[in-house]
Amino acid sequence: MKILAALDQSEYGTLVLKKAMDMAAKENAELTALTISSAPYNNLYLGEVSGNFLEKIRKGLQEAVQRIKEQVQAANVEVVVEESPSPADAIVAYAEKHGIDLIVIGNKGAGAVERFLIGSVSSKVVTHSPCSVMVVKK
C-alpha cells in the first residue's frame, strides 16, 4: 500500500503527517510526504516579484521541509517538494503518477467566502483523486 501525506507549510501539517505515519505503521505501508509551494504563482499579479520576496518564500518553504524531515526522522518517509499554481491539481497528479492508494490531507476550514470563490484544496482533491482520501479535521 502507498500512502501520500499532502501537507501545507503550516504547523497544522504536523497533525496530518502524524495521522499518515500512524496509518502507514499499522498497514506496513510506504509513506511519502508531499508539500506544494504555490506562493510564487499566487503573487504573479503583483508584477515582477522582488528577489527579497522570493527569498522569504524559499526560506519559509525550507523551514517547513525541515520540520517535516525532523518529524519523520526515525521513519522511512520520502519527502517531496513541488511548485505548482494549483496544489490540488499537483496532489492529484502526483497520486496518479505514483500509484498512490490513499491520500491523507488536512482541512483547515477555509472561510465561506474563500470556499465559494476558489474552493478548498481538500475538496478538490476528494473530488478528483484517483484513490481514497482521508481528510484530517483540525
N, C-alpha and C. Protein backbone atom coordinates (compact mmCIF):
# COMPACT_ATOMS: atom_id res chain seq x y z
N MET A 1 0.85 -1.18 0.00
CA MET A 1 0.00 0.00 0.00
C MET A 1 0.89 1.24 0.00
N LYS A 2 0.49 2.25 -0.77
CA LYS A 2 1.22 3.52 -0.83
C LYS A 2 0.33 4.64 -0.30
N ILE A 3 0.86 5.37 0.69
CA ILE A 3 0.12 6.48 1.30
C ILE A 3 0.84 7.78 0.99
N LEU A 4 0.07 8.80 0.65
CA LEU A 4 0.61 10.13 0.38
C LEU A 4 0.05 11.10 1.42
N ALA A 5 0.94 11.72 2.19
CA ALA A 5 0.53 12.77 3.13
C ALA A 5 0.72 14.10 2.41
N ALA A 6 -0.39 14.76 2.08
CA ALA A 6 -0.35 16.05 1.39
C ALA A 6 -0.34 17.15 2.44
N LEU A 7 0.78 17.86 2.53
CA LEU A 7 0.99 18.82 3.62
C LEU A 7 1.11 20.24 3.11
N ASP A 8 0.54 21.18 3.85
CA ASP A 8 0.82 22.58 3.57
C ASP A 8 2.00 22.98 4.46
N GLN A 9 2.39 24.23 4.39
CA GLN A 9 3.57 24.65 5.15
C GLN A 9 3.22 25.16 6.55
N SER A 10 2.02 24.89 7.03
CA SER A 10 1.62 25.36 8.36
C SER A 10 1.95 24.33 9.43
N GLU A 11 1.82 24.75 10.66
CA GLU A 11 2.02 23.83 11.79
C GLU A 11 0.97 22.72 11.77
N TYR A 12 -0.19 22.99 11.18
CA TYR A 12 -1.27 22.02 11.10
C TYR A 12 -0.84 20.77 10.33
N GLY A 13 0.10 20.96 9.40
CA GLY A 13 0.59 19.84 8.61
C GLY A 13 1.21 18.74 9.47
N THR A 14 1.72 19.10 10.65
CA THR A 14 2.32 18.08 11.52
C THR A 14 1.28 17.09 12.03
N LEU A 15 0.06 17.56 12.27
CA LEU A 15 -1.02 16.66 12.69
C LEU A 15 -1.38 15.71 11.55
N VAL A 16 -1.47 16.25 10.34
CA VAL A 16 -1.78 15.42 9.17
C VAL A 16 -0.70 14.36 8.99
N LEU A 17 0.56 14.77 9.10
CA LEU A 17 1.67 13.83 8.93
C LEU A 17 1.65 12.75 10.01
N LYS A 18 1.34 13.13 11.24
CA LYS A 18 1.28 12.15 12.33
C LYS A 18 0.21 11.10 12.04
N LYS A 19 -0.97 11.54 11.59
CA LYS A 19 -2.04 10.60 11.25
C LYS A 19 -1.59 9.65 10.14
N ALA A 20 -0.93 10.22 9.12
CA ALA A 20 -0.46 9.40 7.99
C ALA A 20 0.61 8.41 8.45
N MET A 21 1.51 8.85 9.32
CA MET A 21 2.55 7.96 9.83
C MET A 21 1.96 6.83 10.67
N ASP A 22 0.96 7.14 11.49
CA ASP A 22 0.29 6.11 12.29
C ASP A 22 -0.36 5.07 11.39
N MET A 23 -1.05 5.55 10.35
CA MET A 23 -1.72 4.64 9.44
C MET A 23 -0.71 3.79 8.66
N ALA A 24 0.38 4.42 8.21
CA ALA A 24 1.41 3.69 7.47
C ALA A 24 2.04 2.60 8.34
N ALA A 25 2.26 2.91 9.61
CA ALA A 25 2.84 1.92 10.52
C ALA A 25 1.89 0.73 10.72
N LYS A 26 0.60 1.02 10.89
CA LYS A 26 -0.39 -0.04 11.10
C LYS A 26 -0.53 -0.93 9.87
N GLU A 27 -0.45 -0.32 8.69
CA GLU A 27 -0.67 -1.04 7.44
C GLU A 27 0.63 -1.54 6.81
N ASN A 28 1.77 -1.24 7.45
CA ASN A 28 3.08 -1.55 6.88
C ASN A 28 3.17 -0.98 5.46
N ALA A 29 2.77 0.28 5.32
CA ALA A 29 2.67 0.93 4.02
C ALA A 29 3.86 1.85 3.75
N GLU A 30 4.07 2.11 2.49
CA GLU A 30 5.08 3.07 2.04
C GLU A 30 4.46 4.47 2.16
N LEU A 31 5.19 5.41 2.78
CA LEU A 31 4.65 6.75 3.01
C LEU A 31 5.51 7.81 2.35
N THR A 32 4.84 8.72 1.64
CA THR A 32 5.50 9.88 1.04
C THR A 32 4.84 11.13 1.59
N ALA A 33 5.65 12.10 2.00
CA ALA A 33 5.14 13.40 2.45
C ALA A 33 5.36 14.39 1.31
N LEU A 34 4.28 14.98 0.82
CA LEU A 34 4.34 15.90 -0.31
C LEU A 34 3.89 17.28 0.13
N THR A 35 4.69 18.29 -0.16
CA THR A 35 4.28 19.66 0.09
C THR A 35 4.40 20.44 -1.21
N ILE A 36 3.42 21.30 -1.46
CA ILE A 36 3.36 22.07 -2.70
C ILE A 36 3.52 23.54 -2.37
N SER A 37 4.43 24.19 -3.06
CA SER A 37 4.59 25.64 -2.92
C SER A 37 3.87 26.32 -4.08
N SER A 38 2.89 27.14 -3.76
CA SER A 38 2.17 27.88 -4.80
C SER A 38 2.36 29.37 -4.66
N ALA A 39 3.11 29.80 -3.66
CA ALA A 39 3.27 31.24 -3.37
C ALA A 39 3.77 32.06 -4.55
N PRO A 40 4.81 31.64 -5.28
CA PRO A 40 5.26 32.48 -6.39
C PRO A 40 4.17 32.67 -7.44
N TYR A 41 3.37 31.62 -7.68
CA TYR A 41 2.31 31.71 -8.68
C TYR A 41 1.18 32.61 -8.20
N ASN A 42 0.86 32.53 -6.92
CA ASN A 42 -0.24 33.32 -6.37
C ASN A 42 0.07 34.80 -6.33
N ASN A 43 1.33 35.17 -6.45
CA ASN A 43 1.71 36.57 -6.36
C ASN A 43 2.17 37.16 -7.69
N LEU A 44 1.93 36.46 -8.78
CA LEU A 44 2.34 36.97 -10.08
C LEU A 44 1.60 38.23 -10.47
N TYR A 45 0.38 38.39 -9.95
CA TYR A 45 -0.39 39.59 -10.29
C TYR A 45 0.29 40.85 -9.77
N LEU A 46 1.23 40.72 -8.88
CA LEU A 46 1.94 41.88 -8.34
C LEU A 46 2.95 42.44 -9.33
N GLY A 47 3.08 41.79 -10.47
CA GLY A 47 4.09 42.22 -11.43
C GLY A 47 5.37 41.47 -11.15
N GLU A 48 6.47 42.11 -11.37
CA GLU A 48 7.75 41.47 -11.12
C GLU A 48 7.93 41.28 -9.62
N VAL A 49 8.14 40.06 -9.23
CA VAL A 49 8.29 39.74 -7.81
C VAL A 49 9.74 39.99 -7.41
N SER A 50 9.93 40.72 -6.34
CA SER A 50 11.28 41.07 -5.91
C SER A 50 12.03 39.84 -5.42
N GLY A 51 13.34 39.88 -5.59
CA GLY A 51 14.19 38.79 -5.12
C GLY A 51 14.06 38.58 -3.63
N ASN A 52 13.88 39.67 -2.89
CA ASN A 52 13.73 39.61 -1.44
C ASN A 52 12.48 38.81 -1.07
N PHE A 53 11.39 39.07 -1.79
CA PHE A 53 10.13 38.36 -1.54
C PHE A 53 10.29 36.87 -1.83
N LEU A 54 10.90 36.55 -2.98
CA LEU A 54 11.11 35.15 -3.33
C LEU A 54 12.02 34.46 -2.32
N GLU A 55 13.00 35.18 -1.82
CA GLU A 55 13.90 34.61 -0.82
C GLU A 55 13.14 34.27 0.46
N LYS A 56 12.20 35.13 0.86
CA LYS A 56 11.37 34.85 2.04
C LYS A 56 10.51 33.61 1.82
N ILE A 57 9.98 33.47 0.61
CA ILE A 57 9.16 32.30 0.28
C ILE A 57 10.01 31.04 0.37
N ARG A 58 11.19 31.09 -0.24
CA ARG A 58 12.08 29.93 -0.21
C ARG A 58 12.48 29.56 1.22
N LYS A 59 12.76 30.57 2.02
CA LYS A 59 13.17 30.33 3.41
C LYS A 59 12.03 29.68 4.19
N GLY A 60 10.81 30.18 4.01
CA GLY A 60 9.65 29.59 4.68
C GLY A 60 9.43 28.15 4.26
N LEU A 61 9.60 27.88 2.98
CA LEU A 61 9.44 26.52 2.47
C LEU A 61 10.52 25.61 3.03
N GLN A 62 11.75 26.10 3.07
CA GLN A 62 12.85 25.30 3.63
C GLN A 62 12.60 24.98 5.10
N GLU A 63 12.07 25.95 5.85
CA GLU A 63 11.76 25.71 7.26
C GLU A 63 10.67 24.65 7.41
N ALA A 64 9.66 24.72 6.55
CA ALA A 64 8.57 23.73 6.60
C ALA A 64 9.11 22.34 6.27
N VAL A 65 9.95 22.26 5.25
CA VAL A 65 10.52 20.97 4.87
C VAL A 65 11.40 20.43 6.00
N GLN A 66 12.15 21.30 6.64
CA GLN A 66 13.00 20.87 7.76
C GLN A 66 12.14 20.32 8.90
N ARG A 67 11.00 20.98 9.19
CA ARG A 67 10.09 20.47 10.23
C ARG A 67 9.60 19.07 9.87
N ILE A 68 9.25 18.90 8.59
CA ILE A 68 8.76 17.59 8.13
C ILE A 68 9.86 16.54 8.30
N LYS A 69 11.07 16.88 7.86
CA LYS A 69 12.18 15.92 7.95
C LYS A 69 12.49 15.56 9.40
N GLU A 70 12.40 16.52 10.30
CA GLU A 70 12.63 16.23 11.72
C GLU A 70 11.55 15.30 12.26
N GLN A 71 10.32 15.49 11.81
CA GLN A 71 9.21 14.68 12.30
C GLN A 71 9.31 13.23 11.80
N VAL A 72 9.83 13.04 10.59
CA VAL A 72 9.88 11.70 10.01
C VAL A 72 11.24 11.04 10.15
N GLN A 73 12.11 11.66 10.90
CA GLN A 73 13.49 11.23 11.06
C GLN A 73 13.64 9.72 11.29
N ALA A 74 12.89 9.18 12.22
CA ALA A 74 13.04 7.76 12.57
C ALA A 74 12.31 6.84 11.60
N ALA A 75 11.36 7.37 10.87
CA ALA A 75 10.57 6.55 9.95
C ALA A 75 11.16 6.61 8.55
N ASN A 76 10.79 5.67 7.73
CA ASN A 76 11.25 5.64 6.35
C ASN A 76 10.23 6.37 5.48
N VAL A 77 10.33 7.70 5.45
CA VAL A 77 9.36 8.54 4.73
C VAL A 77 10.10 9.38 3.70
N GLU A 78 9.64 9.31 2.47
CA GLU A 78 10.21 10.16 1.42
C GLU A 78 9.54 11.53 1.51
N VAL A 79 10.33 12.60 1.44
CA VAL A 79 9.80 13.96 1.49
C VAL A 79 9.99 14.58 0.11
N VAL A 80 8.88 15.05 -0.49
CA VAL A 80 8.89 15.61 -1.84
C VAL A 80 8.34 17.03 -1.79
N VAL A 81 9.02 17.95 -2.48
CA VAL A 81 8.57 19.34 -2.58
C VAL A 81 8.38 19.66 -4.05
N GLU A 82 7.21 20.22 -4.40
CA GLU A 82 6.94 20.63 -5.77
C GLU A 82 6.37 22.04 -5.78
N GLU A 83 6.51 22.72 -6.92
CA GLU A 83 5.90 24.03 -7.11
C GLU A 83 4.78 23.88 -8.13
N SER A 84 3.65 24.52 -7.84
CA SER A 84 2.51 24.46 -8.74
C SER A 84 1.55 25.60 -8.42
N PRO A 85 0.90 26.16 -9.45
CA PRO A 85 -0.10 27.18 -9.17
C PRO A 85 -1.35 26.60 -8.50
N SER A 86 -1.54 25.28 -8.62
CA SER A 86 -2.71 24.63 -8.03
C SER A 86 -2.27 23.44 -7.18
N PRO A 87 -2.22 23.61 -5.86
CA PRO A 87 -1.84 22.48 -5.01
C PRO A 87 -2.72 21.25 -5.22
N ALA A 88 -4.02 21.43 -5.37
CA ALA A 88 -4.92 20.29 -5.55
C ALA A 88 -4.58 19.51 -6.81
N ASP A 89 -4.37 20.21 -7.91
CA ASP A 89 -4.02 19.53 -9.16
C ASP A 89 -2.69 18.80 -9.03
N ALA A 90 -1.73 19.41 -8.34
CA ALA A 90 -0.42 18.78 -8.17
C ALA A 90 -0.52 17.52 -7.31
N ILE A 91 -1.33 17.56 -6.28
CA ILE A 91 -1.51 16.39 -5.41
C ILE A 91 -2.15 15.25 -6.18
N VAL A 92 -3.21 15.55 -6.93
CA VAL A 92 -3.90 14.52 -7.72
C VAL A 92 -2.96 13.95 -8.78
N ALA A 93 -2.20 14.81 -9.46
CA ALA A 93 -1.26 14.35 -10.49
C ALA A 93 -0.18 13.45 -9.89
N TYR A 94 0.32 13.82 -8.72
CA TYR A 94 1.34 13.00 -8.05
C TYR A 94 0.76 11.63 -7.71
N ALA A 95 -0.45 11.61 -7.18
CA ALA A 95 -1.10 10.35 -6.81
C ALA A 95 -1.29 9.46 -8.04
N GLU A 96 -1.71 10.05 -9.14
CA GLU A 96 -1.90 9.28 -10.38
C GLU A 96 -0.57 8.71 -10.88
N LYS A 97 0.43 9.56 -10.92
CA LYS A 97 1.75 9.18 -11.47
C LYS A 97 2.43 8.09 -10.64
N HIS A 98 2.24 8.11 -9.33
CA HIS A 98 2.97 7.21 -8.45
C HIS A 98 2.12 6.06 -7.89
N GLY A 99 0.92 5.89 -8.39
CA GLY A 99 0.08 4.77 -7.96
C GLY A 99 -0.26 4.78 -6.48
N ILE A 100 -0.60 5.96 -5.97
CA ILE A 100 -0.93 6.11 -4.55
C ILE A 100 -2.29 5.46 -4.27
N ASP A 101 -2.38 4.77 -3.13
CA ASP A 101 -3.62 4.10 -2.73
C ASP A 101 -4.48 4.94 -1.80
N LEU A 102 -3.83 5.84 -1.04
CA LEU A 102 -4.56 6.67 -0.08
C LEU A 102 -3.86 8.01 0.07
N ILE A 103 -4.63 9.09 0.00
CA ILE A 103 -4.11 10.43 0.26
C ILE A 103 -4.64 10.87 1.62
N VAL A 104 -3.74 11.35 2.48
CA VAL A 104 -4.13 11.91 3.77
C VAL A 104 -3.89 13.41 3.67
N ILE A 105 -4.94 14.20 3.89
CA ILE A 105 -4.86 15.65 3.69
C ILE A 105 -5.60 16.36 4.81
N GLY A 106 -5.20 17.57 5.09
CA GLY A 106 -5.86 18.35 6.13
C GLY A 106 -6.98 19.20 5.58
N ASN A 107 -7.80 19.68 6.50
CA ASN A 107 -8.88 20.60 6.16
C ASN A 107 -8.85 21.70 7.20
N LYS A 108 -8.18 22.79 6.86
CA LYS A 108 -8.01 23.87 7.84
C LYS A 108 -9.29 24.65 8.06
N GLY A 109 -10.28 24.44 7.22
CA GLY A 109 -11.53 25.17 7.40
C GLY A 109 -11.49 26.54 6.77
N ALA A 110 -11.41 26.57 5.45
CA ALA A 110 -11.45 27.85 4.73
C ALA A 110 -12.77 28.54 5.04
N GLY A 111 -12.76 29.84 5.05
CA GLY A 111 -13.98 30.60 5.29
C GLY A 111 -14.98 30.42 4.16
N ALA A 112 -16.23 30.78 4.41
CA ALA A 112 -17.29 30.60 3.42
C ALA A 112 -17.00 31.34 2.12
N VAL A 113 -16.50 32.56 2.22
CA VAL A 113 -16.21 33.35 1.01
C VAL A 113 -15.09 32.70 0.22
N GLU A 114 -14.02 32.28 0.90
CA GLU A 114 -12.89 31.64 0.22
C GLU A 114 -13.34 30.35 -0.46
N ARG A 115 -14.15 29.54 0.24
CA ARG A 115 -14.65 28.29 -0.36
C ARG A 115 -15.49 28.59 -1.59
N PHE A 116 -16.33 29.63 -1.52
CA PHE A 116 -17.19 29.98 -2.64
C PHE A 116 -16.36 30.45 -3.84
N LEU A 117 -15.36 31.27 -3.59
CA LEU A 117 -14.57 31.84 -4.68
C LEU A 117 -13.59 30.85 -5.29
N ILE A 118 -12.86 30.11 -4.47
CA ILE A 118 -11.82 29.24 -5.03
C ILE A 118 -11.94 27.79 -4.60
N GLY A 119 -12.83 27.49 -3.69
CA GLY A 119 -12.94 26.12 -3.20
C GLY A 119 -11.80 25.80 -2.25
N SER A 120 -11.81 24.63 -1.68
CA SER A 120 -10.72 24.24 -0.80
C SER A 120 -9.88 23.18 -1.49
N VAL A 121 -8.61 23.14 -1.13
CA VAL A 121 -7.71 22.15 -1.71
C VAL A 121 -8.22 20.75 -1.40
N SER A 122 -8.61 20.51 -0.14
CA SER A 122 -9.06 19.17 0.22
C SER A 122 -10.32 18.76 -0.56
N SER A 123 -11.25 19.69 -0.76
CA SER A 123 -12.46 19.38 -1.54
C SER A 123 -12.12 19.00 -2.97
N LYS A 124 -11.21 19.76 -3.57
CA LYS A 124 -10.80 19.46 -4.95
C LYS A 124 -10.09 18.11 -5.04
N VAL A 125 -9.25 17.81 -4.05
CA VAL A 125 -8.55 16.53 -4.05
C VAL A 125 -9.56 15.38 -3.90
N VAL A 126 -10.50 15.52 -2.98
CA VAL A 126 -11.52 14.48 -2.79
C VAL A 126 -12.29 14.25 -4.09
N THR A 127 -12.65 15.32 -4.77
CA THR A 127 -13.44 15.23 -6.00
C THR A 127 -12.68 14.58 -7.15
N HIS A 128 -11.39 14.90 -7.28
CA HIS A 128 -10.64 14.49 -8.48
C HIS A 128 -9.63 13.37 -8.24
N SER A 129 -9.47 12.92 -7.03
CA SER A 129 -8.46 11.92 -6.71
C SER A 129 -8.74 10.56 -7.36
N PRO A 130 -7.68 9.89 -7.80
CA PRO A 130 -7.84 8.55 -8.37
C PRO A 130 -7.92 7.46 -7.28
N CYS A 131 -7.80 7.87 -6.01
CA CYS A 131 -7.79 6.90 -4.92
C CYS A 131 -8.59 7.44 -3.73
N SER A 132 -8.64 6.67 -2.67
CA SER A 132 -9.33 7.11 -1.46
C SER A 132 -8.60 8.28 -0.82
N VAL A 133 -9.36 9.13 -0.13
CA VAL A 133 -8.79 10.30 0.54
C VAL A 133 -9.30 10.33 1.98
N MET A 134 -8.37 10.51 2.91
CA MET A 134 -8.73 10.68 4.32
C MET A 134 -8.48 12.14 4.67
N VAL A 135 -9.53 12.84 5.10
CA VAL A 135 -9.42 14.26 5.46
C VAL A 135 -9.30 14.36 6.97
N VAL A 136 -8.21 14.98 7.42
CA VAL A 136 -7.96 15.17 8.85
C VAL A 136 -8.47 16.54 9.24
N LYS A 137 -9.47 16.58 10.11
CA LYS A 137 -10.04 17.85 10.56
C LYS A 137 -9.17 18.45 11.65
N LYS A 138 -9.16 19.77 11.68
CA LYS A 138 -8.36 20.48 12.68
C LYS A 138 -9.02 20.39 14.04
